[in-house]
N, C-alpha and C. Protein backbone atom coordinates (compact mmCIF):
# COMPACT_ATOMS: atom_id res chain seq x y z
N UNK A 1 66.57 -41.99 -30.39
CA UNK A 1 65.67 -41.26 -31.19
C UNK A 1 66.19 -40.21 -31.75
N UNK A 2 65.84 -39.90 -33.04
CA UNK A 2 66.59 -38.98 -33.87
C UNK A 2 66.16 -37.59 -33.58
N UNK A 3 66.97 -36.64 -33.84
CA UNK A 3 66.81 -35.21 -33.43
C UNK A 3 65.56 -34.55 -34.17
N UNK A 4 65.35 -35.18 -35.45
CA UNK A 4 64.22 -34.70 -36.14
C UNK A 4 62.78 -35.05 -35.37
N UNK A 5 62.77 -36.35 -34.89
CA UNK A 5 61.58 -36.87 -34.26
C UNK A 5 61.37 -36.03 -33.00
N UNK A 6 62.59 -35.81 -32.32
CA UNK A 6 62.45 -35.20 -31.06
C UNK A 6 61.94 -33.83 -31.30
N UNK A 7 62.32 -33.02 -32.24
CA UNK A 7 62.07 -31.67 -32.73
C UNK A 7 60.36 -31.72 -32.99
N UNK A 8 60.00 -32.74 -33.65
CA UNK A 8 58.43 -32.80 -34.09
C UNK A 8 57.64 -32.98 -32.78
N UNK A 9 58.22 -33.91 -31.82
CA UNK A 9 57.48 -34.27 -30.60
C UNK A 9 57.43 -32.97 -29.78
N UNK A 10 58.41 -32.10 -29.82
CA UNK A 10 58.39 -30.96 -28.83
C UNK A 10 57.57 -29.78 -29.54
N UNK A 11 57.66 -29.61 -30.98
CA UNK A 11 56.74 -28.76 -31.56
C UNK A 11 55.35 -29.16 -31.50
N UNK A 12 54.88 -30.65 -31.62
CA UNK A 12 53.65 -31.10 -31.59
C UNK A 12 53.00 -30.57 -30.10
N UNK A 13 53.88 -30.84 -29.06
CA UNK A 13 53.41 -30.62 -27.86
C UNK A 13 53.22 -29.09 -27.57
N UNK A 14 53.97 -28.25 -28.01
CA UNK A 14 53.71 -26.89 -28.05
C UNK A 14 52.61 -26.40 -28.71
N UNK A 15 52.40 -27.07 -29.89
CA UNK A 15 51.16 -26.73 -30.77
C UNK A 15 49.84 -27.10 -30.06
N UNK A 16 50.00 -28.12 -29.09
CA UNK A 16 48.79 -28.37 -28.35
C UNK A 16 48.45 -27.54 -27.27
N UNK A 17 49.40 -26.73 -26.81
CA UNK A 17 49.28 -25.79 -25.61
C UNK A 17 48.86 -24.49 -26.27
N UNK A 18 47.77 -23.96 -25.73
CA UNK A 18 46.91 -22.79 -26.18
C UNK A 18 47.88 -21.50 -25.55
N UNK A 19 48.20 -20.55 -26.20
CA UNK A 19 48.69 -19.25 -25.79
C UNK A 19 47.60 -18.26 -25.65
N UNK A 20 46.51 -18.45 -26.07
CA UNK A 20 45.25 -17.49 -26.01
C UNK A 20 44.58 -17.70 -24.55
N UNK A 21 44.37 -16.48 -23.92
CA UNK A 21 43.61 -16.64 -22.68
C UNK A 21 42.59 -15.60 -22.62
N UNK A 22 41.32 -15.89 -21.81
CA UNK A 22 40.44 -14.99 -22.03
C UNK A 22 39.96 -14.92 -20.42
N UNK A 23 39.23 -13.75 -20.06
CA UNK A 23 38.83 -13.52 -18.89
C UNK A 23 37.40 -12.78 -18.98
N UNK A 24 36.51 -13.21 -18.32
CA UNK A 24 35.24 -12.25 -18.11
C UNK A 24 35.38 -11.48 -16.80
N UNK A 25 35.00 -10.12 -16.90
CA UNK A 25 35.07 -9.27 -15.93
C UNK A 25 33.76 -8.69 -15.55
N UNK A 26 33.15 -8.95 -14.48
CA UNK A 26 31.82 -8.47 -14.21
C UNK A 26 31.78 -7.03 -13.98
N UNK A 27 30.77 -6.46 -14.14
CA UNK A 27 30.46 -4.98 -13.93
C UNK A 27 29.10 -5.04 -13.21
N UNK A 28 29.15 -4.63 -11.92
CA UNK A 28 27.87 -4.71 -11.22
C UNK A 28 27.31 -3.31 -10.76
N UNK A 29 26.12 -3.09 -10.40
CA UNK A 29 25.71 -1.90 -10.02
C UNK A 29 24.22 -2.19 -9.19
N UNK A 30 23.96 -1.35 -8.28
CA UNK A 30 22.58 -1.60 -7.84
C UNK A 30 21.76 -0.39 -8.01
N UNK A 31 20.43 -0.60 -8.40
CA UNK A 31 19.63 0.49 -8.64
C UNK A 31 18.52 0.32 -7.77
N UNK A 32 18.42 1.67 -7.00
CA UNK A 32 17.32 1.84 -6.02
C UNK A 32 16.03 2.32 -6.82
N UNK A 33 14.93 1.72 -6.70
CA UNK A 33 13.69 2.39 -7.27
C UNK A 33 13.33 3.77 -6.85
N UNK A 34 12.95 4.44 -7.81
CA UNK A 34 12.21 5.74 -7.55
C UNK A 34 10.85 5.63 -7.23
N UNK A 35 10.36 4.50 -7.03
CA UNK A 35 9.02 4.36 -6.65
C UNK A 35 8.90 3.13 -5.52
N UNK A 36 8.47 3.76 -4.44
CA UNK A 36 8.38 2.99 -3.41
C UNK A 36 6.86 2.64 -2.82
N UNK A 37 6.63 1.45 -2.69
CA UNK A 37 5.19 1.18 -2.06
C UNK A 37 5.25 1.01 -0.65
N UNK A 38 4.46 1.55 0.15
CA UNK A 38 4.20 1.35 1.51
C UNK A 38 2.67 1.00 1.91
N UNK A 39 2.49 0.12 2.91
CA UNK A 39 1.20 -0.28 3.29
C UNK A 39 0.85 0.75 4.26
N UNK A 40 -0.33 1.49 4.05
CA UNK A 40 -0.60 2.53 5.05
C UNK A 40 -1.75 1.99 6.01
N UNK A 41 -2.60 1.25 5.60
CA UNK A 41 -3.63 0.65 6.30
C UNK A 41 -3.94 -0.86 5.74
N UNK A 42 -3.87 -1.83 6.56
CA UNK A 42 -4.29 -3.12 6.19
C UNK A 42 -5.75 -3.23 6.11
N UNK A 43 -6.26 -4.09 5.24
CA UNK A 43 -7.55 -4.03 5.12
C UNK A 43 -8.26 -5.09 6.02
N UNK A 44 -9.48 -4.86 6.46
CA UNK A 44 -10.20 -5.98 7.32
C UNK A 44 -11.45 -6.22 6.73
N UNK A 45 -11.91 -7.65 6.72
CA UNK A 45 -13.37 -7.99 6.26
C UNK A 45 -14.31 -7.78 7.51
N UNK A 46 -15.36 -7.14 7.20
CA UNK A 46 -16.50 -7.20 8.00
C UNK A 46 -17.31 -8.39 7.54
N UNK A 47 -18.26 -8.82 8.39
CA UNK A 47 -19.16 -9.96 7.99
C UNK A 47 -20.66 -9.49 8.32
N UNK A 48 -21.11 -8.81 7.29
CA UNK A 48 -22.57 -8.30 7.71
C UNK A 48 -23.66 -9.21 7.68
N UNK A 49 -23.37 -10.35 6.95
CA UNK A 49 -24.35 -11.39 6.97
C UNK A 49 -23.53 -12.82 6.92
N UNK A 50 -24.03 -13.81 6.78
CA UNK A 50 -23.63 -15.11 6.90
C UNK A 50 -22.68 -15.56 5.70
N UNK A 51 -22.94 -14.90 4.44
CA UNK A 51 -22.45 -15.32 3.18
C UNK A 51 -21.60 -14.17 2.68
N UNK A 52 -21.38 -12.85 3.22
CA UNK A 52 -20.71 -11.77 2.66
C UNK A 52 -19.48 -11.61 3.51
N UNK A 53 -18.48 -11.18 3.02
CA UNK A 53 -17.16 -10.62 3.53
C UNK A 53 -16.83 -9.28 2.71
N UNK A 54 -16.87 -8.18 3.46
CA UNK A 54 -16.61 -6.90 2.77
C UNK A 54 -15.77 -6.01 3.45
N UNK A 55 -15.04 -5.29 2.76
CA UNK A 55 -14.18 -4.22 3.31
C UNK A 55 -14.86 -2.78 3.56
N UNK A 56 -16.17 -2.74 3.26
CA UNK A 56 -17.01 -1.61 3.20
C UNK A 56 -17.15 -1.17 4.77
N UNK A 57 -16.81 0.00 5.00
CA UNK A 57 -16.68 0.66 6.59
C UNK A 57 -18.12 0.52 6.94
N UNK A 58 -19.22 0.85 6.10
CA UNK A 58 -20.55 0.86 6.76
C UNK A 58 -21.11 -0.42 7.12
N UNK A 59 -20.21 -1.61 6.75
CA UNK A 59 -20.62 -3.17 7.02
C UNK A 59 -19.50 -3.61 7.89
N UNK A 60 -18.85 -2.68 8.66
CA UNK A 60 -17.85 -3.38 9.71
C UNK A 60 -16.51 -3.63 9.08
N UNK A 61 -16.29 -3.34 7.87
CA UNK A 61 -14.95 -3.50 7.21
C UNK A 61 -14.08 -2.37 7.22
N UNK A 62 -12.75 -2.50 6.81
CA UNK A 62 -11.74 -1.52 6.51
C UNK A 62 -11.23 -1.68 5.37
N UNK A 63 -11.12 -0.61 4.52
CA UNK A 63 -10.49 -0.60 3.16
C UNK A 63 -8.86 -0.57 3.23
N UNK A 64 -8.39 -1.39 2.48
CA UNK A 64 -6.86 -1.18 2.61
C UNK A 64 -6.29 0.02 1.92
N UNK A 65 -5.28 0.50 2.34
CA UNK A 65 -4.80 1.86 1.78
C UNK A 65 -3.25 1.68 1.57
N UNK A 66 -2.77 1.97 0.49
CA UNK A 66 -1.32 1.81 0.09
C UNK A 66 -0.74 2.99 -0.54
N UNK A 67 0.49 3.48 -0.11
CA UNK A 67 0.82 4.67 -0.62
C UNK A 67 2.01 4.46 -1.60
N UNK A 68 2.10 5.26 -2.71
CA UNK A 68 3.18 5.14 -3.48
C UNK A 68 3.85 6.45 -3.52
N UNK A 69 5.10 6.40 -3.42
CA UNK A 69 6.14 7.66 -3.21
C UNK A 69 6.85 7.52 -4.37
N UNK A 70 6.84 8.78 -5.27
CA UNK A 70 7.62 8.71 -6.49
C UNK A 70 8.61 9.83 -6.51
N UNK A 71 9.91 9.67 -6.90
CA UNK A 71 10.84 10.58 -6.95
C UNK A 71 11.41 10.93 -8.33
N UNK A 72 10.80 10.24 -9.32
CA UNK A 72 11.18 10.38 -10.81
C UNK A 72 9.84 10.43 -11.47
N UNK A 73 9.37 11.63 -11.86
CA UNK A 73 8.09 11.87 -12.63
C UNK A 73 8.04 10.99 -13.82
N UNK A 74 6.78 10.77 -14.11
CA UNK A 74 6.40 10.15 -15.60
C UNK A 74 7.23 9.09 -15.91
N UNK A 75 7.60 7.97 -14.94
CA UNK A 75 8.51 7.08 -15.16
C UNK A 75 7.81 5.63 -14.74
N UNK A 76 6.72 5.82 -13.95
CA UNK A 76 6.15 4.65 -13.50
C UNK A 76 4.61 4.54 -13.49
N UNK A 77 4.26 3.32 -13.67
CA UNK A 77 2.69 3.17 -13.46
C UNK A 77 2.47 2.36 -12.08
N UNK A 78 1.22 2.89 -11.21
CA UNK A 78 0.87 2.24 -10.36
C UNK A 78 -0.19 1.27 -10.84
N UNK A 79 0.02 -0.15 -10.43
CA UNK A 79 -0.90 -1.24 -10.96
C UNK A 79 -1.46 -1.85 -9.67
N UNK A 80 -2.76 -1.83 -9.39
CA UNK A 80 -3.32 -2.24 -8.17
C UNK A 80 -4.44 -3.20 -8.51
N UNK A 81 -4.31 -4.58 -8.03
CA UNK A 81 -5.20 -5.56 -8.23
C UNK A 81 -6.00 -6.02 -7.00
N UNK A 82 -7.40 -5.83 -6.93
CA UNK A 82 -8.12 -6.29 -5.83
C UNK A 82 -8.02 -7.78 -5.81
N UNK A 83 -8.31 -8.45 -4.55
CA UNK A 83 -8.34 -10.02 -4.48
C UNK A 83 -9.26 -10.53 -5.37
N UNK A 84 -9.02 -11.86 -5.87
CA UNK A 84 -9.97 -12.64 -6.53
C UNK A 84 -10.00 -14.03 -6.01
N UNK A 85 -9.27 -14.25 -4.78
CA UNK A 85 -9.26 -15.46 -4.06
C UNK A 85 -8.61 -15.22 -2.90
N UNK A 86 -8.96 -16.23 -1.92
CA UNK A 86 -8.44 -16.21 -0.67
C UNK A 86 -6.81 -16.83 -0.66
N UNK A 87 -6.03 -16.25 0.08
CA UNK A 87 -4.77 -16.85 0.12
C UNK A 87 -4.62 -17.74 1.38
N UNK A 88 -5.64 -17.71 2.12
CA UNK A 88 -5.80 -18.69 3.30
C UNK A 88 -7.38 -18.56 3.68
N UNK A 89 -7.86 -19.74 3.88
CA UNK A 89 -9.08 -19.76 4.50
C UNK A 89 -9.59 -21.15 4.80
N UNK A 90 -10.69 -21.47 5.58
CA UNK A 90 -11.01 -22.75 5.79
C UNK A 90 -11.61 -23.28 4.34
N UNK A 91 -11.91 -24.57 4.34
CA UNK A 91 -12.30 -25.31 3.12
C UNK A 91 -13.92 -24.56 2.79
N UNK A 92 -14.26 -24.16 1.68
CA UNK A 92 -15.37 -23.40 1.39
C UNK A 92 -16.25 -24.43 0.60
N UNK A 93 -17.76 -24.35 1.13
CA UNK A 93 -18.59 -25.32 0.33
C UNK A 93 -19.12 -24.83 -0.87
N UNK A 94 -18.78 -23.84 -1.51
CA UNK A 94 -19.24 -23.20 -2.65
C UNK A 94 -18.26 -22.23 -3.28
N UNK A 95 -18.63 -21.71 -4.61
CA UNK A 95 -17.71 -20.85 -5.22
C UNK A 95 -17.94 -19.48 -4.64
N UNK A 96 -16.92 -18.53 -4.62
CA UNK A 96 -16.86 -17.32 -4.14
C UNK A 96 -16.95 -16.31 -5.18
N UNK A 97 -17.63 -15.41 -5.37
CA UNK A 97 -17.98 -14.34 -6.25
C UNK A 97 -17.16 -13.09 -5.64
N UNK A 98 -16.19 -12.38 -6.53
CA UNK A 98 -15.39 -11.35 -5.93
C UNK A 98 -15.59 -10.07 -6.57
N UNK A 99 -15.82 -8.94 -5.88
CA UNK A 99 -15.86 -7.68 -6.62
C UNK A 99 -14.90 -6.87 -5.93
N UNK A 100 -14.29 -5.83 -6.55
CA UNK A 100 -13.31 -4.92 -5.91
C UNK A 100 -13.20 -3.75 -6.76
N UNK A 101 -12.48 -2.64 -6.07
CA UNK A 101 -12.23 -1.40 -6.78
C UNK A 101 -11.13 -0.67 -6.07
N UNK A 102 -10.34 0.07 -6.74
CA UNK A 102 -9.23 0.85 -6.28
C UNK A 102 -9.76 2.41 -6.80
N UNK A 103 -9.29 3.15 -5.86
CA UNK A 103 -9.51 4.63 -6.09
C UNK A 103 -8.39 5.38 -5.35
N UNK A 104 -8.16 6.66 -5.83
CA UNK A 104 -7.10 7.58 -5.27
C UNK A 104 -7.83 8.00 -3.91
N UNK A 105 -7.21 7.86 -2.95
CA UNK A 105 -7.72 8.32 -1.66
C UNK A 105 -7.32 9.69 -1.19
N UNK A 106 -6.00 10.08 -1.53
CA UNK A 106 -5.19 11.22 -1.30
C UNK A 106 -3.94 11.43 -2.08
N UNK A 107 -3.62 12.66 -2.43
CA UNK A 107 -2.40 12.94 -3.10
C UNK A 107 -1.71 14.10 -2.33
N UNK A 108 -0.35 14.36 -2.36
CA UNK A 108 0.42 15.09 -1.93
C UNK A 108 0.45 16.45 -2.60
N UNK A 109 0.01 16.49 -3.94
CA UNK A 109 0.02 17.69 -4.66
C UNK A 109 -1.22 17.62 -5.66
N UNK A 110 -2.39 18.07 -5.30
CA UNK A 110 -3.43 18.07 -6.09
C UNK A 110 -3.41 18.72 -7.41
N UNK A 111 -2.57 19.83 -7.62
CA UNK A 111 -2.40 20.40 -8.82
C UNK A 111 -1.89 19.58 -9.99
N UNK A 112 -0.65 18.77 -9.35
CA UNK A 112 -0.16 17.82 -10.53
C UNK A 112 -0.67 16.44 -10.46
N UNK A 113 -1.40 16.03 -9.44
CA UNK A 113 -1.90 14.61 -9.29
C UNK A 113 -3.45 14.55 -9.54
N UNK A 114 -4.15 15.59 -9.75
CA UNK A 114 -5.51 15.61 -9.82
C UNK A 114 -6.42 14.97 -10.74
N UNK A 115 -5.53 14.54 -11.79
CA UNK A 115 -6.33 13.68 -12.72
C UNK A 115 -5.90 12.18 -12.58
N UNK A 116 -5.23 11.78 -11.72
CA UNK A 116 -4.93 10.47 -11.73
C UNK A 116 -6.14 9.45 -11.70
N UNK A 117 -7.19 9.86 -10.85
CA UNK A 117 -8.28 9.03 -10.84
C UNK A 117 -9.19 9.07 -12.15
N UNK A 118 -9.38 10.06 -12.62
CA UNK A 118 -10.09 10.31 -13.93
C UNK A 118 -9.47 9.66 -14.97
N UNK A 119 -8.10 9.45 -14.93
CA UNK A 119 -7.23 8.95 -16.10
C UNK A 119 -6.83 7.47 -15.99
N UNK A 120 -7.35 6.93 -14.89
CA UNK A 120 -6.75 5.39 -14.66
C UNK A 120 -7.59 4.49 -15.66
N UNK A 121 -6.79 3.38 -15.93
CA UNK A 121 -7.30 2.25 -16.90
C UNK A 121 -7.79 1.08 -15.96
N UNK A 122 -8.93 0.58 -16.20
CA UNK A 122 -9.36 -0.49 -15.51
C UNK A 122 -9.49 -1.77 -16.27
N UNK A 123 -9.17 -2.78 -15.86
CA UNK A 123 -9.43 -4.22 -16.44
C UNK A 123 -9.44 -5.18 -15.57
N UNK A 124 -10.53 -5.89 -15.53
CA UNK A 124 -10.81 -6.87 -14.55
C UNK A 124 -10.74 -6.22 -13.18
N UNK A 125 -10.08 -6.92 -12.39
CA UNK A 125 -9.85 -6.36 -10.90
C UNK A 125 -8.72 -5.53 -10.79
N UNK A 126 -8.14 -5.07 -11.83
CA UNK A 126 -6.86 -4.38 -11.87
C UNK A 126 -7.24 -2.82 -12.36
N UNK A 127 -6.66 -2.03 -11.53
CA UNK A 127 -6.63 -0.47 -11.93
C UNK A 127 -5.11 0.05 -12.09
N UNK A 128 -5.00 0.69 -13.26
CA UNK A 128 -3.57 1.24 -13.41
C UNK A 128 -3.64 2.67 -13.52
N UNK A 129 -2.73 3.48 -12.76
CA UNK A 129 -2.48 4.81 -12.82
C UNK A 129 -1.02 5.23 -13.41
N UNK A 130 -1.25 6.25 -14.21
CA UNK A 130 0.04 6.76 -14.70
C UNK A 130 0.62 7.81 -13.85
N UNK A 131 1.71 7.62 -13.11
CA UNK A 131 2.28 8.41 -12.07
C UNK A 131 3.10 9.44 -12.83
N UNK A 132 2.43 10.53 -13.23
CA UNK A 132 3.21 11.47 -13.98
C UNK A 132 3.90 12.63 -13.08
N UNK A 133 3.71 12.67 -11.76
CA UNK A 133 4.22 13.66 -10.96
C UNK A 133 5.20 13.09 -9.78
N UNK A 134 6.06 13.85 -9.23
CA UNK A 134 6.73 13.44 -7.99
C UNK A 134 5.93 13.63 -6.85
N UNK A 135 5.90 12.76 -5.76
CA UNK A 135 5.15 12.94 -4.58
C UNK A 135 4.60 11.72 -4.09
N UNK A 136 3.57 11.78 -3.39
CA UNK A 136 2.95 10.50 -2.71
C UNK A 136 1.50 10.54 -3.17
N UNK A 137 0.94 9.15 -3.47
CA UNK A 137 -0.40 9.05 -3.74
C UNK A 137 -0.84 7.92 -2.93
N UNK A 138 -1.96 7.99 -2.21
CA UNK A 138 -2.72 7.05 -1.41
C UNK A 138 -3.79 6.44 -2.07
N UNK A 139 -3.66 5.06 -2.32
CA UNK A 139 -4.75 4.43 -3.04
C UNK A 139 -5.63 3.52 -2.05
N UNK A 140 -6.95 3.54 -2.05
CA UNK A 140 -7.65 2.70 -1.12
C UNK A 140 -8.49 1.62 -2.19
N UNK A 141 -8.23 0.35 -1.60
CA UNK A 141 -9.01 -0.71 -2.19
C UNK A 141 -9.97 -1.48 -1.45
N UNK A 142 -11.15 -1.61 -2.19
CA UNK A 142 -12.41 -2.33 -1.55
C UNK A 142 -12.35 -3.86 -2.02
N UNK A 143 -13.06 -4.61 -1.37
CA UNK A 143 -13.06 -6.02 -1.59
C UNK A 143 -14.30 -6.59 -1.09
N UNK A 144 -15.05 -7.30 -1.95
CA UNK A 144 -16.34 -8.05 -1.40
C UNK A 144 -16.31 -9.32 -1.88
N UNK A 145 -16.45 -10.50 -1.07
CA UNK A 145 -16.46 -11.99 -1.46
C UNK A 145 -17.90 -12.44 -0.75
N UNK A 146 -18.45 -12.82 -1.81
CA UNK A 146 -19.92 -13.49 -1.58
C UNK A 146 -19.85 -15.07 -1.90
N UNK A 147 -20.35 -15.70 -0.90
CA UNK A 147 -20.10 -17.15 -1.01
C UNK A 147 -21.46 -17.61 -1.66
N UNK A 148 -21.32 -18.43 -2.62
CA UNK A 148 -22.33 -18.91 -3.62
C UNK A 148 -23.34 -19.73 -2.74
N UNK A 149 -24.84 -19.59 -3.41
CA UNK A 149 -25.82 -20.21 -3.02
C UNK A 149 -26.32 -19.68 -1.58
N UNK A 150 -25.82 -18.46 -1.21
CA UNK A 150 -26.23 -17.80 -0.03
C UNK A 150 -26.07 -18.76 1.23
N UNK A 151 -24.78 -19.39 0.99
CA UNK A 151 -24.37 -20.46 2.08
C UNK A 151 -23.45 -19.68 3.01
N UNK A 152 -23.69 -20.07 4.39
CA UNK A 152 -22.75 -19.27 5.35
C UNK A 152 -21.17 -19.59 5.20
N UNK A 153 -20.43 -18.60 5.38
CA UNK A 153 -19.01 -19.00 5.49
C UNK A 153 -18.77 -19.62 6.86
N UNK A 154 -17.77 -20.76 6.67
CA UNK A 154 -17.49 -21.41 7.85
C UNK A 154 -16.65 -20.61 8.66
N UNK A 155 -16.65 -20.90 10.00
CA UNK A 155 -15.87 -20.06 10.99
C UNK A 155 -14.33 -20.25 10.63
N UNK A 156 -13.69 -19.21 11.00
CA UNK A 156 -12.16 -19.35 10.83
C UNK A 156 -11.56 -18.00 10.39
N UNK A 157 -10.17 -18.05 10.01
CA UNK A 157 -9.70 -16.87 9.58
C UNK A 157 -9.35 -17.00 8.02
N UNK A 158 -9.87 -15.68 7.42
CA UNK A 158 -9.78 -15.72 5.98
C UNK A 158 -8.70 -14.48 5.77
N UNK A 159 -7.86 -14.59 4.74
CA UNK A 159 -7.02 -13.79 4.39
C UNK A 159 -7.08 -13.65 2.70
N UNK A 160 -7.12 -12.54 2.19
CA UNK A 160 -6.99 -12.28 0.74
C UNK A 160 -6.08 -11.09 0.66
N UNK A 161 -5.14 -11.01 -0.53
CA UNK A 161 -4.21 -10.11 -0.76
C UNK A 161 -4.51 -9.13 -1.95
N UNK A 162 -4.23 -7.82 -1.53
CA UNK A 162 -4.16 -6.87 -2.71
C UNK A 162 -2.84 -6.85 -3.20
N UNK A 163 -2.59 -6.95 -4.80
CA UNK A 163 -1.45 -6.76 -5.18
C UNK A 163 -1.11 -5.31 -5.87
N UNK A 164 -0.12 -4.72 -5.07
CA UNK A 164 0.23 -3.24 -5.48
C UNK A 164 1.66 -3.50 -6.16
N UNK A 165 1.67 -2.80 -7.35
CA UNK A 165 3.13 -2.88 -8.13
C UNK A 165 3.33 -1.62 -8.67
N UNK A 166 4.69 -1.37 -8.77
CA UNK A 166 4.91 -0.12 -9.54
C UNK A 166 5.86 -0.54 -10.44
N UNK A 167 5.24 -0.25 -11.82
CA UNK A 167 5.87 -0.69 -13.02
C UNK A 167 6.69 0.45 -13.70
N UNK A 168 7.93 0.09 -14.15
CA UNK A 168 8.70 1.18 -14.87
C UNK A 168 8.03 1.28 -16.14
N UNK A 169 7.93 2.48 -16.87
CA UNK A 169 7.50 2.77 -18.08
C UNK A 169 8.61 2.20 -19.04
């Protein structure tokens, strides 16, 4: 083999070898929310008649209460949705009609949180509050489920869920 061909073969092999190299280097971090949601009281359905389940205390129920603790003012919305279905129940013989509402139950600072209830935005079964101050706010949610046709609820365990969310602005 001639020297010229050998040089071309070596140069061709070197040309196929890449001298560039790249690396990706991760940068990680953990963010702790400045808005914490805590269940204060789990709701309980009363059964005042055969076709109604309700959290109304005068009807044997217990309204659910959730607390929002905020350490960064004017950065979050509290969004709370009352149930619109059972997460578990026996098979039902008819359609269930749902009603529910959320309202401020207590606040840690009435002077800075006093307008939360009057300024809330409602859409469907969802209530949204602008958390403009630091501190704690307790929200209570009522729920009522009426089985269609005035038919009795079958015996068994029923569970419905309140969705409480802290949404960053």
